[in-house]
Amino acid sequence: MGRRKKRRQSRGVFLTLEGPEGSGKSTQIAFLGTALRKAGYSVAYTREPGGTKLAETIRGVLLSASSEEPIAPETEAFLVLAARRQHVTHFIRPALAQGSIVLCDRFADSTFAYQGFGRRLSLSWLQTANHAATSGLMPHLTLLLDVPVSVGLARRRQASGKPNRLDQESKQFHMRVRKGFLRLASRTPRRIRVINANRPAPVVRAEIAAVVLGWLRKRHRRGG
């Protein structure tokens, strides 16, 4: 059989996966990328914080716990936004310009949920700062993988590897983050689709693929 031809897109598409700790984003985004490639799409995968060499260095600072000098909430927000500016400039926008589907593990919604609702920083300030960092770039479609905090944290404890700084936050912090994500989804339901991630991974995987592929078909019919 011949190789499947890549689907031609008039412009790139920016898709993000969001969710609280332990929601399964990293696993599910890999499966989604595979499904999109099988359907003939050009896919560029990335993550936040990170995505470029400098942004990955900032990620290491953000996730490393230090009892000697805790990171102030405002410092955390500035670091996230600095990494995002590098990411948008050197990875996301170039990939979109080439007509790729950019799949990103976290983006601005995580900033609003973690630094806004979780750290209780001003949402209006974060929105203004994020707009400056991204020059107004926002995802075309966001999938919010929702899972109860107790389930997500249990998954994180069972995962291999050393807990990062966010893993060690209080349950109350993570509850504020989850409520923040759900509030964001209720405010922008056309962009943010909530996926129940408290189900077997194959079930979640199938729903994600169906939602995204269906959304892309409708977009193409509209001439996007």
C-alpha atoms as a PDB file:
ATOM      1  CA  MET A   1       0.000   0.000   0.000  1.00  0.00           C
ATOM      2  CA  GLY A   2       1.179   3.533  -0.697  1.00  0.00           C
ATOM      3  CA  ARG A   3       1.969   5.997   2.037  1.00  0.00           C
ATOM      4  CA  ARG A   4      -0.943   8.085   3.247  1.00  0.00           C
ATOM      5  CA  LYS A   5      -0.795  11.613   1.893  1.00  0.00           C
ATOM      6  CA  LYS A   6      -0.539  14.422   4.381  1.00  0.00           C
ATOM      7  CA  ARG A   7      -3.708  16.476   4.654  1.00  0.00           C
ATOM      8  CA  ARG A   8      -3.175  19.985   3.373  1.00  0.00           C
ATOM      9  CA  GLN A   9      -4.238  22.733   5.750  1.00  0.00           C
ATOM     10  CA  SER A  10      -4.622  26.386   4.872  1.00  0.00           C
ATOM     11  CA  ARG A  11      -3.156  27.326   8.233  1.00  0.00           C
ATOM     12  CA  GLY A  12      -1.924  25.650  11.380  1.00  0.00           C
ATOM     13  CA  VAL A  13      -4.122  24.540  14.243  1.00  0.00           C
ATOM     14  CA  PHE A  14      -3.225  24.999  17.906  1.00  0.00           C
ATOM     15  CA  LEU A  15      -4.629  22.316  20.240  1.00  0.00           C
ATOM     16  CA  THR A  16      -3.879  22.035  23.960  1.00  0.00           C
ATOM     17  CA  LEU A  17      -4.481  19.460  26.663  1.00  0.00           C
ATOM     18  CA  GLU A  18      -4.995  20.752  30.187  1.00  0.00           C
ATOM     19  CA  GLY A  19      -5.809  19.291  33.555  1.00  0.00           C
ATOM     20  CA  PRO A  20      -4.807  18.950  37.191  1.00  0.00           C
ATOM     21  CA  GLU A  21      -1.966  16.732  38.365  1.00  0.00           C
ATOM     22  CA  GLY A  22      -2.468  13.064  37.493  1.00  0.00           C
ATOM     23  CA  SER A  23      -5.080  13.687  34.810  1.00  0.00           C
ATOM     24  CA  GLY A  24      -3.151  11.675  32.217  1.00  0.00           C
ATOM     25  CA  LYS A  25      -2.397  14.513  29.787  1.00  0.00           C
ATOM     26  CA  SER A  26       1.090  13.373  28.817  1.00  0.00           C
ATOM     27  CA  THR A  27      -0.089   9.843  28.027  1.00  0.00           C
ATOM     28  CA  GLN A  28      -3.196  10.919  26.166  1.00  0.00           C
ATOM     29  CA  ILE A  29      -1.496  13.607  24.085  1.00  0.00           C
ATOM     30  CA  ALA A  30       0.914  11.001  22.725  1.00  0.00           C
ATOM     31  CA  PHE A  31      -1.997   8.774  21.651  1.00  0.00           C
ATOM     32  CA  LEU A  32      -3.774  11.759  20.111  1.00  0.00           C
ATOM     33  CA  GLY A  33      -0.685  12.645  18.112  1.00  0.00           C
ATOM     34  CA  THR A  34      -0.543   9.106  16.752  1.00  0.00           C
ATOM     35  CA  ALA A  35      -4.245   9.186  15.809  1.00  0.00           C
ATOM     36  CA  LEU A  36      -3.815  12.498  13.992  1.00  0.00           C
ATOM     37  CA  ARG A  37      -0.773  11.287  12.071  1.00  0.00           C
ATOM     38  CA  LYS A  38      -2.675   8.147  11.033  1.00  0.00           C
ATOM     39  CA  ALA A  39      -5.435  10.420   9.763  1.00  0.00           C
ATOM     40  CA  GLY A  40      -2.868  12.188   7.590  1.00  0.00           C
ATOM     41  CA  TYR A  41      -2.172  15.333   9.590  1.00  0.00           C
ATOM     42  CA  SER A  42       1.218  16.918  10.202  1.00  0.00           C
ATOM     43  CA  VAL A  43       1.685  17.098  13.968  1.00  0.00           C
ATOM     44  CA  ALA A  44       4.165  19.016  16.116  1.00  0.00           C
ATOM     45  CA  TYR A  45       4.225  17.962  19.768  1.00  0.00           C
ATOM     46  CA  THR A  46       5.412  20.180  22.602  1.00  0.00           C
ATOM     47  CA  ARG A  47       4.852  20.989  26.277  1.00  0.00           C
ATOM     48  CA  GLU A  48       4.857  23.753  28.867  1.00  0.00           C
ATOM     49  CA  PRO A  49       6.803  24.905  30.653  1.00  0.00           C
ATOM     50  CA  GLY A  50       9.335  23.968  28.005  1.00  0.00           C
ATOM     51  CA  GLY A  51       9.410  23.425  24.278  1.00  0.00           C
ATOM     52  CA  THR A  52      12.743  25.123  23.586  1.00  0.00           C
ATOM     53  CA  LYS A  53      16.186  24.736  25.123  1.00  0.00           C
ATOM     54  CA  LEU A  54      15.905  27.869  27.247  1.00  0.00           C
ATOM     55  CA  ALA A  55      12.289  27.193  28.207  1.00  0.00           C
ATOM     56  CA  GLU A  56      13.221  23.668  29.328  1.00  0.00           C
ATOM     57  CA  THR A  57      15.913  25.182  31.562  1.00  0.00           C
ATOM     58  CA  ILE A  58      13.273  27.428  33.137  1.00  0.00           C
ATOM     59  CA  ARG A  59      11.058  24.354  33.582  1.00  0.00           C
ATOM     60  CA  GLY A  60      13.795  22.740  35.651  1.00  0.00           C
ATOM     61  CA  VAL A  61      13.905  25.767  37.940  1.00  0.00           C
ATOM     62  CA  LEU A  62      10.108  25.845  38.316  1.00  0.00           C
ATOM     63  CA  LEU A  63       9.723  22.172  39.219  1.00  0.00           C
ATOM     64  CA  SER A  64      12.730  21.856  41.511  1.00  0.00           C
ATOM     65  CA  ALA A  65      11.894  22.225  45.183  1.00  0.00           C
ATOM     66  CA  SER A  66      14.190  24.340  47.356  1.00  0.00           C
ATOM     67  CA  SER A  67      13.709  24.706  51.098  1.00  0.00           C
ATOM     68  CA  GLU A  68      16.446  27.359  51.195  1.00  0.00           C
ATOM     69  CA  GLU A  69      14.732  29.811  48.847  1.00  0.00           C
ATOM     70  CA  PRO A  70      11.075  29.127  48.046  1.00  0.00           C
ATOM     71  CA  ILE A  71       9.814  30.609  44.776  1.00  0.00           C
ATOM     72  CA  ALA A  72       7.461  33.533  45.347  1.00  0.00           C
ATOM     73  CA  PRO A  73       4.118  33.230  43.492  1.00  0.00           C
ATOM     74  CA  GLU A  74       4.866  36.287  41.368  1.00  0.00           C
ATOM     75  CA  THR A  75       8.335  34.951  40.508  1.00  0.00           C
ATOM     76  CA  GLU A  76       6.738  31.656  39.492  1.00  0.00           C
ATOM     77  CA  ALA A  77       4.338  33.495  37.179  1.00  0.00           C
ATOM     78  CA  PHE A  78       7.120  35.562  35.599  1.00  0.00           C
ATOM     79  CA  LEU A  79       9.200  32.433  34.968  1.00  0.00           C
ATOM     80  CA  VAL A  80       6.260  30.639  33.357  1.00  0.00           C
ATOM     81  CA  LEU A  81       5.570  33.619  31.110  1.00  0.00           C
ATOM     82  CA  ALA A  82       9.227  34.045  30.172  1.00  0.00           C
ATOM     83  CA  ALA A  83       9.382  30.390  29.130  1.00  0.00           C
ATOM     84  CA  ARG A  84       6.143  30.832  27.173  1.00  0.00           C
ATOM     85  CA  ARG A  85       7.475  33.788  25.236  1.00  0.00           C
ATOM     86  CA  GLN A  86      10.460  31.728  24.095  1.00  0.00           C
ATOM     87  CA  HIS A  87       8.176  28.803  23.296  1.00  0.00           C
ATOM     88  CA  VAL A  88       5.700  30.823  21.253  1.00  0.00           C
ATOM     89  CA  THR A  89       8.425  32.702  19.384  1.00  0.00           C
ATOM     90  CA  HIS A  90      10.746  29.830  18.546  1.00  0.00           C
ATOM     91  CA  PHE A  91       8.452  26.793  18.316  1.00  0.00           C
ATOM     92  CA  ILE A  92       4.696  27.312  18.269  1.00  0.00           C
ATOM     93  CA  ARG A  93       4.324  30.146  15.761  1.00  0.00           C
ATOM     94  CA  PRO A  94       6.863  28.665  13.302  1.00  0.00           C
ATOM     95  CA  ALA A  95       5.076  25.293  13.433  1.00  0.00           C
ATOM     96  CA  LEU A  96       1.699  26.948  12.864  1.00  0.00           C
ATOM     97  CA  ALA A  97       3.123  28.909   9.948  1.00  0.00           C
ATOM     98  CA  GLN A  98       4.085  25.588   8.344  1.00  0.00           C
ATOM     99  CA  GLY A  99       0.488  24.375   8.607  1.00  0.00           C
ATOM    100  CA  SER A 100       1.056  21.837  11.380  1.00  0.00           C
ATOM    101  CA  ILE A 101      -1.306  20.842  14.149  1.00  0.00           C
ATOM    102  CA  VAL A 102       0.543  21.912  17.284  1.00  0.00           C
ATOM    103  CA  LEU A 103      -0.306  19.665  20.234  1.00  0.00           C
ATOM    104  CA  CYS A 104       0.747  21.308  23.470  1.00  0.00           C
ATOM    105  CA  ASP A 105       0.743  19.725  26.944  1.00  0.00           C
ATOM    106  CA  ARG A 106      -0.411  22.773  28.974  1.00  0.00           C
ATOM    107  CA  PHE A 107      -0.548  26.431  27.964  1.00  0.00           C
ATOM    108  CA  ALA A 108      -2.137  29.638  29.270  1.00  0.00           C
ATOM    109  CA  ASP A 109      -5.094  27.942  30.984  1.00  0.00           C
ATOM    110  CA  SER A 110      -2.633  26.262  33.344  1.00  0.00           C
ATOM    111  CA  THR A 111      -1.251  29.679  34.270  1.00  0.00           C
ATOM    112  CA  PHE A 112      -4.716  30.944  35.119  1.00  0.00           C
ATOM    113  CA  ALA A 113      -5.541  27.762  37.073  1.00  0.00           C
ATOM    114  CA  TYR A 114      -2.252  27.313  38.958  1.00  0.00           C
ATOM    115  CA  GLN A 115      -0.985  30.851  39.449  1.00  0.00           C
ATOM    116  CA  GLY A 116      -4.413  32.504  39.411  1.00  0.00           C
ATOM    117  CA  PHE A 117      -6.768  30.200  41.274  1.00  0.00           C
ATOM    118  CA  GLY A 118      -4.084  28.105  42.993  1.00  0.00           C
ATOM    119  CA  ARG A 119      -1.691  30.883  44.079  1.00  0.00           C
ATOM    120  CA  ARG A 120      -4.473  33.478  44.212  1.00  0.00           C
ATOM    121  CA  LEU A 121      -2.702  35.964  41.947  1.00  0.00           C
ATOM    122  CA  SER A 122      -4.837  38.498  40.090  1.00  0.00           C
ATOM    123  CA  LEU A 123      -6.472  36.894  37.062  1.00  0.00           C
ATOM    124  CA  SER A 124      -6.735  40.207  35.253  1.00  0.00           C
ATOM    125  CA  TRP A 125      -3.001  40.817  35.754  1.00  0.00           C
ATOM    126  CA  LEU A 126      -2.172  37.302  34.554  1.00  0.00           C
ATOM    127  CA  GLN A 127      -4.359  37.737  31.487  1.00  0.00           C
ATOM    128  CA  THR A 128      -2.640  41.011  30.606  1.00  0.00           C
ATOM    129  CA  ALA A 129       0.833  39.559  31.189  1.00  0.00           C
ATOM    130  CA  ASN A 130       0.003  36.417  29.222  1.00  0.00           C
ATOM    131  CA  HIS A 131      -1.278  38.477  26.308  1.00  0.00           C
ATOM    132  CA  ALA A 132       2.051  40.299  26.249  1.00  0.00           C
ATOM    133  CA  ALA A 133       3.971  37.009  26.405  1.00  0.00           C
ATOM    134  CA  THR A 134       2.006  35.407  23.577  1.00  0.00           C
ATOM    135  CA  SER A 135       1.061  38.454  21.465  1.00  0.00           C
ATOM    136  CA  GLY A 136      -2.515  37.268  21.887  1.00  0.00           C
ATOM    137  CA  LEU A 137      -2.027  33.665  20.781  1.00  0.00           C
ATOM    138  CA  MET A 138      -4.587  31.272  22.269  1.00  0.00           C
ATOM    139  CA  PRO A 139      -5.502  27.671  21.379  1.00  0.00           C
ATOM    140  CA  HIS A 140      -8.180  26.961  18.799  1.00  0.00           C
ATOM    141  CA  LEU A 141      -9.351  23.986  20.887  1.00  0.00           C
ATOM    142  CA  THR A 142      -8.528  22.852  24.426  1.00  0.00           C
ATOM    143  CA  LEU A 143      -9.322  19.503  26.010  1.00  0.00           C
ATOM    144  CA  LEU A 144      -9.592  19.659  29.795  1.00  0.00           C
ATOM    145  CA  LEU A 145      -8.925  16.237  31.277  1.00  0.00           C
ATOM    146  CA  ASP A 146     -10.806  16.400  34.547  1.00  0.00           C
ATOM    147  CA  VAL A 147     -10.140  14.055  37.451  1.00  0.00           C
ATOM    148  CA  PRO A 148     -10.913  14.274  41.204  1.00  0.00           C
ATOM    149  CA  VAL A 149      -7.973  15.643  43.168  1.00  0.00           C
ATOM    150  CA  SER A 150      -7.666  12.533  45.336  1.00  0.00           C
ATOM    151  CA  VAL A 151      -7.499  10.307  42.259  1.00  0.00           C
ATOM    152  CA  GLY A 152      -4.990  12.506  40.467  1.00  0.00           C
ATOM    153  CA  LEU A 153      -2.656  12.787  43.442  1.00  0.00           C
ATOM    154  CA  ALA A 154      -2.839   9.026  44.021  1.00  0.00           C
ATOM    155  CA  ARG A 155      -1.793   8.484  40.405  1.00  0.00           C
ATOM    156  CA  ARG A 156       1.127  10.852  40.878  1.00  0.00           C
ATOM    157  CA  ARG A 157       2.259   8.991  44.001  1.00  0.00           C
ATOM    158  CA  GLN A 158       2.151   5.694  42.129  1.00  0.00           C
ATOM    159  CA  ALA A 159       4.118   7.073  39.194  1.00  0.00           C
ATOM    160  CA  SER A 160       7.830   6.417  39.060  1.00  0.00           C
ATOM    161  CA  GLY A 161      10.214   9.280  39.620  1.00  0.00           C
ATOM    162  CA  LYS A 162      10.833  11.893  42.278  1.00  0.00           C
ATOM    163  CA  PRO A 163       7.866  14.160  43.171  1.00  0.00           C
ATOM    164  CA  ASN A 164       8.294  17.688  41.818  1.00  0.00           C
ATOM    165  CA  ARG A 165       7.567  20.939  43.625  1.00  0.00           C
ATOM    166  CA  LEU A 166       3.918  21.054  42.538  1.00  0.00           C
ATOM    167  CA  ASP A 167       3.323  17.452  43.607  1.00  0.00           C
ATOM    168  CA  GLN A 168       4.220  18.523  47.130  1.00  0.00           C
ATOM    169  CA  GLU A 169       1.612  21.283  47.347  1.00  0.00           C
ATOM    170  CA  SER A 170      -1.346  20.893  49.707  1.00  0.00           C
ATOM    171  CA  LYS A 171      -4.547  19.136  48.728  1.00  0.00           C
ATOM    172  CA  GLN A 172      -6.353  22.462  49.162  1.00  0.00           C
ATOM    173  CA  PHE A 173      -4.069  24.035  46.553  1.00  0.00           C
ATOM    174  CA  HIS A 174      -4.829  21.270  44.065  1.00  0.00           C
ATOM    175  CA  MET A 175      -8.557  21.600  44.770  1.00  0.00           C
ATOM    176  CA  ARG A 176      -8.378  25.308  43.929  1.00  0.00           C
ATOM    177  CA  VAL A 177      -6.530  24.456  40.704  1.00  0.00           C
ATOM    178  CA  ARG A 178      -9.162  21.926  39.638  1.00  0.00           C
ATOM    179  CA  LYS A 179     -12.012  24.335  40.423  1.00  0.00           C
ATOM    180  CA  GLY A 180     -10.155  26.978  38.455  1.00  0.00           C
ATOM    181  CA  PHE A 181      -9.910  24.769  35.390  1.00  0.00           C
ATOM    182  CA  LEU A 182     -13.619  23.958  35.555  1.00  0.00           C
ATOM    183  CA  ARG A 183     -14.501  27.619  35.954  1.00  0.00           C
ATOM    184  CA  LEU A 184     -12.421  28.503  32.904  1.00  0.00           C
ATOM    185  CA  ALA A 185     -14.227  25.777  30.950  1.00  0.00           C
ATOM    186  CA  SER A 186     -17.624  27.119  31.998  1.00  0.00           C
ATOM    187  CA  ARG A 187     -16.615  30.584  30.791  1.00  0.00           C
ATOM    188  CA  THR A 188     -15.365  29.435  27.369  1.00  0.00           C
ATOM    189  CA  PRO A 189     -17.294  26.248  26.537  1.00  0.00           C
ATOM    190  CA  ARG A 190     -16.813  26.585  22.768  1.00  0.00           C
ATOM    191  CA  ARG A 191     -13.034  26.368  23.110  1.00  0.00           C
ATOM    192  CA  ILE A 192     -12.589  24.199  26.219  1.00  0.00           C
ATOM    193  CA  ARG A 193     -14.144  20.725  26.107  1.00  0.00           C
ATOM    194  CA  VAL A 194     -14.223  18.831  29.411  1.00  0.00           C
ATOM    195  CA  ILE A 195     -13.236  15.154  29.238  1.00  0.00           C
ATOM    196  CA  ASN A 196     -13.921  12.844  32.185  1.00  0.00           C
ATOM    197  CA  ALA A 197     -10.454  11.375  32.777  1.00  0.00           C
ATOM    198  CA  ASN A 198     -11.557   9.257  35.743  1.00  0.00           C
ATOM    199  CA  ARG A 199     -12.181   6.307  33.432  1.00  0.00           C
ATOM    200  CA  PRO A 200     -10.017   3.614  31.852  1.00  0.00           C
ATOM    201  CA  ALA A 201      -7.326   5.133  29.626  1.00  0.00           C
ATOM    202  CA  PRO A 202      -8.581   3.455  26.388  1.00  0.00           C
ATOM    203  CA  VAL A 203     -12.067   4.941  26.921  1.00  0.00           C
ATOM    204  CA  VAL A 204     -10.620   8.407  27.465  1.00  0.00           C
ATOM    205  CA  ARG A 205      -8.323   7.940  24.468  1.00  0.00           C
ATOM    206  CA  ALA A 206     -11.230   7.064  22.170  1.00  0.00           C
ATOM    207  CA  GLU A 207     -13.303  10.064  23.274  1.00  0.00           C
ATOM    208  CA  ILE A 208     -10.394  12.468  22.805  1.00  0.00           C
ATOM    209  CA  ALA A 209      -9.723  11.207  19.273  1.00  0.00           C
ATOM    210  CA  ALA A 210     -13.415  11.392  18.370  1.00  0.00           C
ATOM    211  CA  VAL A 211     -13.777  14.945  19.690  1.00  0.00           C
ATOM    212  CA  VAL A 212     -10.654  16.259  17.962  1.00  0.00           C
ATOM    213  CA  LEU A 213     -11.163  14.522  14.622  1.00  0.00           C
ATOM    214  CA  GLY A 214     -14.817  15.574  14.567  1.00  0.00           C
ATOM    215  CA  TRP A 215     -13.846  19.164  15.378  1.00  0.00           C
ATOM    216  CA  LEU A 216     -11.229  19.171  12.592  1.00  0.00           C
ATOM    217  CA  ARG A 217     -13.724  17.856  10.038  1.00  0.00           C
ATOM    218  CA  LYS A 218     -16.175  20.641  10.926  1.00  0.00           C
ATOM    219  CA  ARG A 219     -13.383  23.211  10.735  1.00  0.00           C
ATOM    220  CA  HIS A 220     -12.373  22.028   7.295  1.00  0.00           C
ATOM    221  CA  ARG A 221     -15.979  22.139   6.054  1.00  0.00           C
ATOM    222  CA  ARG A 222     -16.087  25.762   7.191  1.00  0.00           C
ATOM    223  CA  GLY A 223     -12.952  26.426   5.180  1.00  0.00           C
ATOM    224  CA  GLY A 224     -10.515  26.675   8.130  1.00  0.00           C
END
